[in-house]
Amino acid sequence: MTGRILPAGEVRDSEPWASGSKTAAATLLLAPNPSAWTLDGTNTWLLSSPGSGQTIVVDPGPADLAHLELIVAHALAVDSPVTAIVLTHGHADHSAGARQLAGMTGADVRAVDPEHRLGSEGLVGGEVLTAGSLEVRVVATPGHTSDSVCLLVESEGSLLTGDTVLGRGTSVVAWPDGELGPYRESLRQLRELAGENGVYRILPGHGPLLPNPGQVLDGYLEHRRSRLDEVRRVVSRGITD
């Protein structure tokens, strides 16, 4: 991770996924933890509006000092210091650096799971977080984990999805904390949200920006349906190997 910031603008599929301003309100700082599970690395999102004087950091990522220092430096460079740290869920690749970043900035850590909070406030579906005039709505989306949330920036139609929807491939729903039933319901909720509220792009927790939310969510729902049908066929045949 070089810390190089690209000019503002929508990313193109042919461009490498890298740190930079992706929308008017959202800047990406890509964490230096690429792997088969994390794709290019964890997407740390900085949300602010010009002149707001405040930045919401979404998923600070691993406890990597250089990455955390870059978060602080970028926020200060645009005169919008970090005032809140929000976790889309508690997996370490998203949350491990949160307490250290809180110590560097004085910001509270907001999360559904009390174990990951720092400060008195959690996260509740439907509540609105603010950074100056920027409003960010919390959408409860359990399934990938029981504490998963998405974040909707309605003013520009951006939906931050954590690991509920990825920029490439599909998300894992794994025992013991992942549950397929709630996950499918969360996908249906996001699909309705995309259809009703002018959602123009998905800003995922890993991988590149997705410009067609409805199409992406339809694909996710179809993938889960087809996998369930496959399991049912195997069970009906009594195949155990």
C-alpha atoms as a PDB file:
ATOM      1  CA  MET A   1       0.000   0.000   0.000  1.00  0.00           C
ATOM      2  CA  THR A   2       1.598   3.205  -1.135  1.00  0.00           C
ATOM      3  CA  GLY A   3      -0.954   5.665   0.170  1.00  0.00           C
ATOM      4  CA  ARG A   4      -1.295   7.208  -3.314  1.00  0.00           C
ATOM      5  CA  ILE A   5      -4.650   8.980  -3.680  1.00  0.00           C
ATOM      6  CA  LEU A   6      -6.296   8.922  -7.098  1.00  0.00           C
ATOM      7  CA  PRO A   7      -8.436  11.794  -8.447  1.00  0.00           C
ATOM      8  CA  ALA A   8     -12.140  11.810  -7.667  1.00  0.00           C
ATOM      9  CA  GLY A   9     -14.503   9.952  -9.967  1.00  0.00           C
ATOM     10  CA  GLU A  10     -16.282   6.669 -10.526  1.00  0.00           C
ATOM     11  CA  VAL A  11     -13.891   3.751 -10.886  1.00  0.00           C
ATOM     12  CA  ARG A  12     -13.917   1.919 -14.225  1.00  0.00           C
ATOM     13  CA  ASP A  13     -13.852  -1.873 -14.400  1.00  0.00           C
ATOM     14  CA  SER A  14     -10.555  -1.746 -16.309  1.00  0.00           C
ATOM     15  CA  GLU A  15      -8.837   0.329 -13.616  1.00  0.00           C
ATOM     16  CA  PRO A  16      -6.966  -1.308 -10.751  1.00  0.00           C
ATOM     17  CA  TRP A  17      -8.815  -1.065  -7.466  1.00  0.00           C
ATOM     18  CA  ALA A  18      -6.816   1.397  -5.403  1.00  0.00           C
ATOM     19  CA  SER A  19      -7.144   4.088  -2.770  1.00  0.00           C
ATOM     20  CA  GLY A  20      -8.832   7.281  -3.869  1.00  0.00           C
ATOM     21  CA  SER A  21     -11.966   9.401  -3.893  1.00  0.00           C
ATOM     22  CA  LYS A  22     -14.723   7.207  -5.321  1.00  0.00           C
ATOM     23  CA  THR A  23     -17.758   9.499  -4.889  1.00  0.00           C
ATOM     24  CA  ALA A  24     -18.387  13.020  -3.640  1.00  0.00           C
ATOM     25  CA  ALA A  25     -18.825  11.707  -0.096  1.00  0.00           C
ATOM     26  CA  ALA A  26     -16.734   8.517  -0.004  1.00  0.00           C
ATOM     27  CA  THR A  27     -12.974   8.081  -0.119  1.00  0.00           C
ATOM     28  CA  LEU A  28     -11.362   4.643  -0.134  1.00  0.00           C
ATOM     29  CA  LEU A  29      -8.186   3.785   1.732  1.00  0.00           C
ATOM     30  CA  LEU A  30      -7.317   0.202   0.833  1.00  0.00           C
ATOM     31  CA  ALA A  31      -5.863  -1.739   3.757  1.00  0.00           C
ATOM     32  CA  PRO A  32      -2.614  -3.648   3.132  1.00  0.00           C
ATOM     33  CA  ASN A  33      -4.097  -7.088   3.869  1.00  0.00           C
ATOM     34  CA  PRO A  34      -4.765  -8.746   0.481  1.00  0.00           C
ATOM     35  CA  SER A  35      -5.581 -12.453   0.505  1.00  0.00           C
ATOM     36  CA  ALA A  36      -7.890 -15.022  -1.030  1.00  0.00           C
ATOM     37  CA  TRP A  37     -10.476 -14.078   1.617  1.00  0.00           C
ATOM     38  CA  THR A  38     -10.023 -10.293   1.608  1.00  0.00           C
ATOM     39  CA  LEU A  39      -9.469  -9.891  -2.167  1.00  0.00           C
ATOM     40  CA  ASP A  40      -7.437  -6.687  -2.744  1.00  0.00           C
ATOM     41  CA  GLY A  41      -7.610  -5.946   0.988  1.00  0.00           C
ATOM     42  CA  THR A  42     -10.194  -4.438   3.308  1.00  0.00           C
ATOM     43  CA  ASN A  43     -11.910  -1.315   1.997  1.00  0.00           C
ATOM     44  CA  THR A  44     -11.725   1.394   4.643  1.00  0.00           C
ATOM     45  CA  TRP A  45     -14.263   4.070   3.731  1.00  0.00           C
ATOM     46  CA  LEU A  46     -14.000   7.703   4.855  1.00  0.00           C
ATOM     47  CA  LEU A  47     -17.335   9.526   4.658  1.00  0.00           C
ATOM     48  CA  SER A  48     -17.532  13.316   4.778  1.00  0.00           C
ATOM     49  CA  SER A  49     -18.885  16.300   2.901  1.00  0.00           C
ATOM     50  CA  PRO A  50     -16.993  19.466   1.932  1.00  0.00           C
ATOM     51  CA  GLY A  51     -16.755  21.846   4.840  1.00  0.00           C
ATOM     52  CA  SER A  52     -18.343  19.407   7.294  1.00  0.00           C
ATOM     53  CA  GLY A  53     -15.323  19.329   9.585  1.00  0.00           C
ATOM     54  CA  GLN A  54     -16.103  15.692  10.407  1.00  0.00           C
ATOM     55  CA  THR A  55     -15.259  12.254   9.006  1.00  0.00           C
ATOM     56  CA  ILE A  56     -16.940   8.913   9.669  1.00  0.00           C
ATOM     57  CA  VAL A  57     -14.510   6.022   9.214  1.00  0.00           C
ATOM     58  CA  VAL A  58     -16.174   2.771   8.180  1.00  0.00           C
ATOM     59  CA  ASP A  59     -14.168  -0.414   8.866  1.00  0.00           C
ATOM     60  CA  PRO A  60     -10.651   0.757   9.796  1.00  0.00           C
ATOM     61  CA  GLY A  61      -9.350  -2.702   8.966  1.00  0.00           C
ATOM     62  CA  PRO A  62      -6.333  -4.439  10.501  1.00  0.00           C
ATOM     63  CA  ALA A  63      -4.199  -3.055  13.310  1.00  0.00           C
ATOM     64  CA  ASP A  64      -1.626  -1.778  10.835  1.00  0.00           C
ATOM     65  CA  LEU A  65      -0.081   1.449  12.109  1.00  0.00           C
ATOM     66  CA  ALA A  66       0.818   2.838   8.689  1.00  0.00           C
ATOM     67  CA  HIS A  67      -2.750   2.312   7.452  1.00  0.00           C
ATOM     68  CA  LEU A  68      -4.255   3.903  10.555  1.00  0.00           C
ATOM     69  CA  GLU A  69      -1.889   6.871  10.307  1.00  0.00           C
ATOM     70  CA  LEU A  70      -2.931   7.325   6.675  1.00  0.00           C
ATOM     71  CA  ILE A  71      -6.594   7.429   7.738  1.00  0.00           C
ATOM     72  CA  VAL A  72      -5.862  10.171  10.272  1.00  0.00           C
ATOM     73  CA  ALA A  73      -3.660  12.114   7.856  1.00  0.00           C
ATOM     74  CA  HIS A  74      -6.204  12.044   5.050  1.00  0.00           C
ATOM     75  CA  ALA A  75      -9.015  13.246   7.312  1.00  0.00           C
ATOM     76  CA  LEU A  76      -6.881  16.096   8.638  1.00  0.00           C
ATOM     77  CA  ALA A  77      -5.729  17.032   5.129  1.00  0.00           C
ATOM     78  CA  VAL A  78      -9.312  17.892   4.183  1.00  0.00           C
ATOM     79  CA  ASP A  79      -9.975  19.631   7.522  1.00  0.00           C
ATOM     80  CA  SER A  80     -12.420  16.913   8.561  1.00  0.00           C
ATOM     81  CA  PRO A  81     -10.928  15.007  11.504  1.00  0.00           C
ATOM     82  CA  VAL A  82     -12.248  11.573  12.428  1.00  0.00           C
ATOM     83  CA  THR A  83     -15.273  11.945  14.707  1.00  0.00           C
ATOM     84  CA  ALA A  84     -16.776   8.436  14.529  1.00  0.00           C
ATOM     85  CA  ILE A  85     -15.584   4.911  13.743  1.00  0.00           C
ATOM     86  CA  VAL A  86     -18.266   2.526  12.481  1.00  0.00           C
ATOM     87  CA  LEU A  87     -17.970  -1.242  12.037  1.00  0.00           C
ATOM     88  CA  THR A  88     -20.108  -3.058   9.479  1.00  0.00           C
ATOM     89  CA  HIS A  89     -19.399  -6.215  11.516  1.00  0.00           C
ATOM     90  CA  GLY A  90     -16.861  -7.575  13.941  1.00  0.00           C
ATOM     91  CA  HIS A  91     -14.582  -9.737  11.775  1.00  0.00           C
ATOM     92  CA  ALA A  92     -10.951  -8.884  12.495  1.00  0.00           C
ATOM     93  CA  ASP A  93     -10.086  -7.805   8.950  1.00  0.00           C
ATOM     94  CA  HIS A  94     -12.601  -4.979   9.423  1.00  0.00           C
ATOM     95  CA  SER A  95     -12.344  -4.244  13.139  1.00  0.00           C
ATOM     96  CA  ALA A  96      -8.890  -5.078  14.520  1.00  0.00           C
ATOM     97  CA  GLY A  97      -7.585  -1.530  14.114  1.00  0.00           C
ATOM     98  CA  ALA A  98     -10.653   0.184  15.566  1.00  0.00           C
ATOM     99  CA  ARG A  99      -9.517   0.638  19.158  1.00  0.00           C
ATOM    100  CA  GLN A 100      -6.080   1.816  18.104  1.00  0.00           C
ATOM    101  CA  LEU A 101      -7.637   4.347  15.721  1.00  0.00           C
ATOM    102  CA  ALA A 102      -9.958   5.476  18.508  1.00  0.00           C
ATOM    103  CA  GLY A 103      -6.923   6.106  20.693  1.00  0.00           C
ATOM    104  CA  MET A 104      -5.321   8.168  17.931  1.00  0.00           C
ATOM    105  CA  THR A 105      -8.413  10.293  17.253  1.00  0.00           C
ATOM    106  CA  GLY A 106     -10.579  10.314  20.378  1.00  0.00           C
ATOM    107  CA  ALA A 107     -13.519   8.999  18.332  1.00  0.00           C
ATOM    108  CA  ASP A 108     -15.930   6.382  19.668  1.00  0.00           C
ATOM    109  CA  VAL A 109     -16.295   3.006  17.977  1.00  0.00           C
ATOM    110  CA  ARG A 110     -19.902   2.291  16.960  1.00  0.00           C
ATOM    111  CA  ALA A 111     -20.879  -1.358  16.431  1.00  0.00           C
ATOM    112  CA  VAL A 112     -23.847  -3.682  16.891  1.00  0.00           C
ATOM    113  CA  ASP A 113     -21.853  -6.112  19.044  1.00  0.00           C
ATOM    114  CA  PRO A 114     -21.047  -4.565  22.457  1.00  0.00           C
ATOM    115  CA  GLU A 115     -17.698  -6.375  22.467  1.00  0.00           C
ATOM    116  CA  HIS A 116     -16.510  -4.197  19.601  1.00  0.00           C
ATOM    117  CA  ARG A 117     -17.799  -0.847  20.877  1.00  0.00           C
ATOM    118  CA  LEU A 118     -15.783   1.899  22.494  1.00  0.00           C
ATOM    119  CA  GLY A 119     -18.170   4.404  24.032  1.00  0.00           C
ATOM    120  CA  SER A 120     -21.780   4.152  25.092  1.00  0.00           C
ATOM    121  CA  GLU A 121     -23.503   4.045  21.692  1.00  0.00           C
ATOM    122  CA  GLY A 122     -24.092   1.002  19.516  1.00  0.00           C
ATOM    123  CA  LEU A 123     -25.725   0.824  16.096  1.00  0.00           C
ATOM    124  CA  VAL A 124     -29.448   0.366  15.481  1.00  0.00           C
ATOM    125  CA  GLY A 125     -31.140  -0.239  12.153  1.00  0.00           C
ATOM    126  CA  GLY A 126     -32.903   2.903  10.981  1.00  0.00           C
ATOM    127  CA  GLU A 127     -30.810   5.393  12.911  1.00  0.00           C
ATOM    128  CA  VAL A 128     -29.045   8.190  11.055  1.00  0.00           C
ATOM    129  CA  LEU A 129     -25.391   9.048  11.621  1.00  0.00           C
ATOM    130  CA  THR A 130     -24.138  12.492  10.660  1.00  0.00           C
ATOM    131  CA  ALA A 131     -20.889  14.119   9.598  1.00  0.00           C
ATOM    132  CA  GLY A 132     -21.831  17.757   9.296  1.00  0.00           C
ATOM    133  CA  SER A 133     -24.601  17.900   6.693  1.00  0.00           C
ATOM    134  CA  LEU A 134     -23.922  14.348   5.482  1.00  0.00           C
ATOM    135  CA  GLU A 135     -26.477  11.787   6.653  1.00  0.00           C
ATOM    136  CA  VAL A 136     -25.743   8.048   6.752  1.00  0.00           C
ATOM    137  CA  ARG A 137     -28.580   5.637   7.496  1.00  0.00           C
ATOM    138  CA  VAL A 138     -27.899   2.343   9.263  1.00  0.00           C
ATOM    139  CA  VAL A 139     -29.531  -0.737   7.700  1.00  0.00           C
ATOM    140  CA  ALA A 140     -29.515  -3.899   9.834  1.00  0.00           C
ATOM    141  CA  THR A 141     -28.473  -6.815   7.590  1.00  0.00           C
ATOM    142  CA  PRO A 142     -27.747  -9.911   9.696  1.00  0.00           C
ATOM    143  CA  GLY A 143     -26.689 -13.061   7.911  1.00  0.00           C
ATOM    144  CA  HIS A 144     -22.999 -12.926   7.002  1.00  0.00           C
ATOM    145  CA  THR A 145     -22.700 -12.362  10.742  1.00  0.00           C
ATOM    146  CA  SER A 146     -25.374 -11.657  13.327  1.00  0.00           C
ATOM    147  CA  ASP A 147     -23.992  -8.130  13.822  1.00  0.00           C
ATOM    148  CA  SER A 148     -23.762  -7.100  10.149  1.00  0.00           C
ATOM    149  CA  VAL A 149     -25.030  -3.704   9.009  1.00  0.00           C
ATOM    150  CA  CYS A 150     -24.999  -1.757   5.771  1.00  0.00           C
ATOM    151  CA  LEU A 151     -24.876   2.029   5.489  1.00  0.00           C
ATOM    152  CA  LEU A 152     -26.885   4.137   3.052  1.00  0.00           C
ATOM    153  CA  VAL A 153     -25.735   7.595   1.939  1.00  0.00           C
ATOM    154  CA  GLU A 154     -29.065   8.643   0.472  1.00  0.00           C
ATOM    155  CA  SER A 155     -27.895  12.029  -0.820  1.00  0.00           C
ATOM    156  CA  GLU A 156     -25.739  10.337  -3.469  1.00  0.00           C
ATOM    157  CA  GLY A 157     -27.239   6.855  -3.684  1.00  0.00           C
ATOM    158  CA  SER A 158     -24.264   4.982  -2.236  1.00  0.00           C
ATOM    159  CA  LEU A 159     -24.744   1.763  -0.251  1.00  0.00           C
ATOM    160  CA  LEU A 160     -21.841   0.507   1.870  1.00  0.00           C
ATOM    161  CA  THR A 161     -22.289  -3.227   2.309  1.00  0.00           C
ATOM    162  CA  GLY A 162     -19.356  -4.549   4.345  1.00  0.00           C
ATOM    163  CA  ASP A 163     -19.191  -8.290   3.653  1.00  0.00           C
ATOM    164  CA  THR A 164     -22.906  -8.666   2.902  1.00  0.00           C
ATOM    165  CA  VAL A 165     -22.132  -7.930  -0.757  1.00  0.00           C
ATOM    166  CA  LEU A 166     -18.593  -8.063  -2.172  1.00  0.00           C
ATOM    167  CA  GLY A 167     -17.075  -6.340  -5.178  1.00  0.00           C
ATOM    168  CA  ARG A 168     -16.165  -9.696  -6.715  1.00  0.00           C
ATOM    169  CA  GLY A 169     -17.648 -13.150  -6.195  1.00  0.00           C
ATOM    170  CA  THR A 170     -20.136 -13.851  -3.413  1.00  0.00           C
ATOM    171  CA  SER A 171     -19.978 -13.644   0.363  1.00  0.00           C
ATOM    172  CA  VAL A 172     -19.443 -16.524   2.780  1.00  0.00           C
ATOM    173  CA  VAL A 173     -22.182 -17.372   5.285  1.00  0.00           C
ATOM    174  CA  ALA A 174     -20.391 -19.629   7.735  1.00  0.00           C
ATOM    175  CA  TRP A 175     -21.169 -21.381  10.996  1.00  0.00           C
ATOM    176  CA  PRO A 176     -21.348 -20.502  13.854  1.00  0.00           C
ATOM    177  CA  ASP A 177     -22.304 -16.836  13.433  1.00  0.00           C
ATOM    178  CA  GLY A 178     -23.560 -16.795   9.848  1.00  0.00           C
ATOM    179  CA  GLU A 179     -27.163 -17.791   9.076  1.00  0.00           C
ATOM    180  CA  LEU A 180     -28.507 -18.318   5.582  1.00  0.00           C
ATOM    181  CA  GLY A 181     -32.157 -17.497   6.362  1.00  0.00           C
ATOM    182  CA  PRO A 182     -31.450 -14.024   7.763  1.00  0.00           C
ATOM    183  CA  TYR A 183     -28.842 -13.466   5.046  1.00  0.00           C
ATOM    184  CA  ARG A 184     -31.350 -14.084   2.251  1.00  0.00           C
ATOM    185  CA  GLU A 185     -33.855 -11.812   3.982  1.00  0.00           C
ATOM    186  CA  SER A 186     -31.194  -9.106   4.242  1.00  0.00           C
ATOM    187  CA  LEU A 187     -30.472  -9.431   0.520  1.00  0.00           C
ATOM    188  CA  ARG A 188     -34.191  -9.072  -0.228  1.00  0.00           C
ATOM    189  CA  GLN A 189     -34.318  -5.980   1.988  1.00  0.00           C
ATOM    190  CA  LEU A 190     -31.369  -4.446   0.147  1.00  0.00           C
ATOM    191  CA  ARG A 191     -32.975  -5.274  -3.198  1.00  0.00           C
ATOM    192  CA  GLU A 192     -36.123  -3.410  -2.170  1.00  0.00           C
ATOM    193  CA  LEU A 193     -33.994  -0.536  -0.930  1.00  0.00           C
ATOM    194  CA  ALA A 194     -32.152  -0.350  -4.238  1.00  0.00           C
ATOM    195  CA  GLY A 195     -35.428  -0.243  -6.135  1.00  0.00           C
ATOM    196  CA  GLU A 196     -37.138   2.344  -3.972  1.00  0.00           C
ATOM    197  CA  ASN A 197     -34.457   4.818  -2.934  1.00  0.00           C
ATOM    198  CA  GLY A 198     -32.325   5.596  -5.954  1.00  0.00           C
ATOM    199  CA  VAL A 199     -29.298   3.528  -4.951  1.00  0.00           C
ATOM    200  CA  TYR A 200     -26.784   3.932  -7.766  1.00  0.00           C
ATOM    201  CA  ARG A 201     -23.720   2.098  -6.487  1.00  0.00           C
ATOM    202  CA  ILE A 202     -22.506  -0.430  -3.942  1.00  0.00           C
ATOM    203  CA  LEU A 203     -19.355   0.363  -1.984  1.00  0.00           C
ATOM    204  CA  PRO A 204     -18.363  -3.084  -0.678  1.00  0.00           C
ATOM    205  CA  GLY A 205     -16.084  -4.154   2.154  1.00  0.00           C
ATOM    206  CA  HIS A 206     -13.758  -5.885  -0.313  1.00  0.00           C
ATOM    207  CA  GLY A 207     -13.274  -5.472  -4.046  1.00  0.00           C
ATOM    208  CA  PRO A 208     -14.321  -2.724  -6.445  1.00  0.00           C
ATOM    209  CA  LEU A 209     -17.344  -0.448  -6.558  1.00  0.00           C
ATOM    210  CA  LEU A 210     -20.419  -1.992  -8.187  1.00  0.00           C
ATOM    211  CA  PRO A 211     -22.490   0.400 -10.340  1.00  0.00           C
ATOM    212  CA  ASN A 212     -25.653  -1.707 -10.825  1.00  0.00           C
ATOM    213  CA  PRO A 213     -27.023  -2.541  -7.343  1.00  0.00           C
ATOM    214  CA  GLY A 214     -30.306  -4.070  -8.497  1.00  0.00           C
ATOM    215  CA  GLN A 215     -28.594  -6.393 -10.946  1.00  0.00           C
ATOM    216  CA  VAL A 216     -25.945  -7.351  -8.389  1.00  0.00           C
ATOM    217  CA  LEU A 217     -28.497  -8.138  -5.690  1.00  0.00           C
ATOM    218  CA  ASP A 218     -30.640 -10.130  -8.107  1.00  0.00           C
ATOM    219  CA  GLY A 219     -27.539 -12.168  -8.894  1.00  0.00           C
ATOM    220  CA  TYR A 220     -26.810 -12.741  -5.214  1.00  0.00           C
ATOM    221  CA  LEU A 221     -30.362 -13.898  -4.551  1.00  0.00           C
ATOM    222  CA  GLU A 222     -30.330 -16.226  -7.554  1.00  0.00           C
ATOM    223  CA  HIS A 223     -26.981 -17.685  -6.489  1.00  0.00           C
ATOM    224  CA  ARG A 224     -28.309 -18.537  -3.032  1.00  0.00           C
ATOM    225  CA  ARG A 225     -31.531 -19.967  -4.460  1.00  0.00           C
ATOM    226  CA  SER A 226     -29.653 -22.200  -6.889  1.00  0.00           C
ATOM    227  CA  ARG A 227     -27.298 -23.442  -4.183  1.00  0.00           C
ATOM    228  CA  LEU A 228     -30.246 -24.322  -1.939  1.00  0.00           C
ATOM    229  CA  ASP A 229     -31.916 -26.162  -4.824  1.00  0.00           C
ATOM    230  CA  GLU A 230     -28.695 -28.107  -5.329  1.00  0.00           C
ATOM    231  CA  VAL A 231     -28.592 -29.096  -1.654  1.00  0.00           C
ATOM    232  CA  ARG A 232     -32.244 -30.173  -1.762  1.00  0.00           C
ATOM    233  CA  ARG A 233     -31.576 -32.374  -4.800  1.00  0.00           C
ATOM    234  CA  VAL A 234     -28.655 -34.073  -3.087  1.00  0.00           C
ATOM    235  CA  VAL A 235     -30.641 -34.652   0.112  1.00  0.00           C
ATOM    236  CA  SER A 236     -33.622 -36.031  -1.809  1.00  0.00           C
ATOM    237  CA  ARG A 237     -31.379 -38.619  -3.451  1.00  0.00           C
ATOM    238  CA  GLY A 238     -30.028 -39.753  -0.114  1.00  0.00           C
ATOM    239  CA  ILE A 239     -26.437 -39.054  -1.159  1.00  0.00           C
ATOM    240  CA  THR A 240     -24.136 -38.803   1.854  1.00  0.00           C
ATOM    241  CA  ASP A 241     -20.665 -38.863   0.260  1.00  0.00           C
END
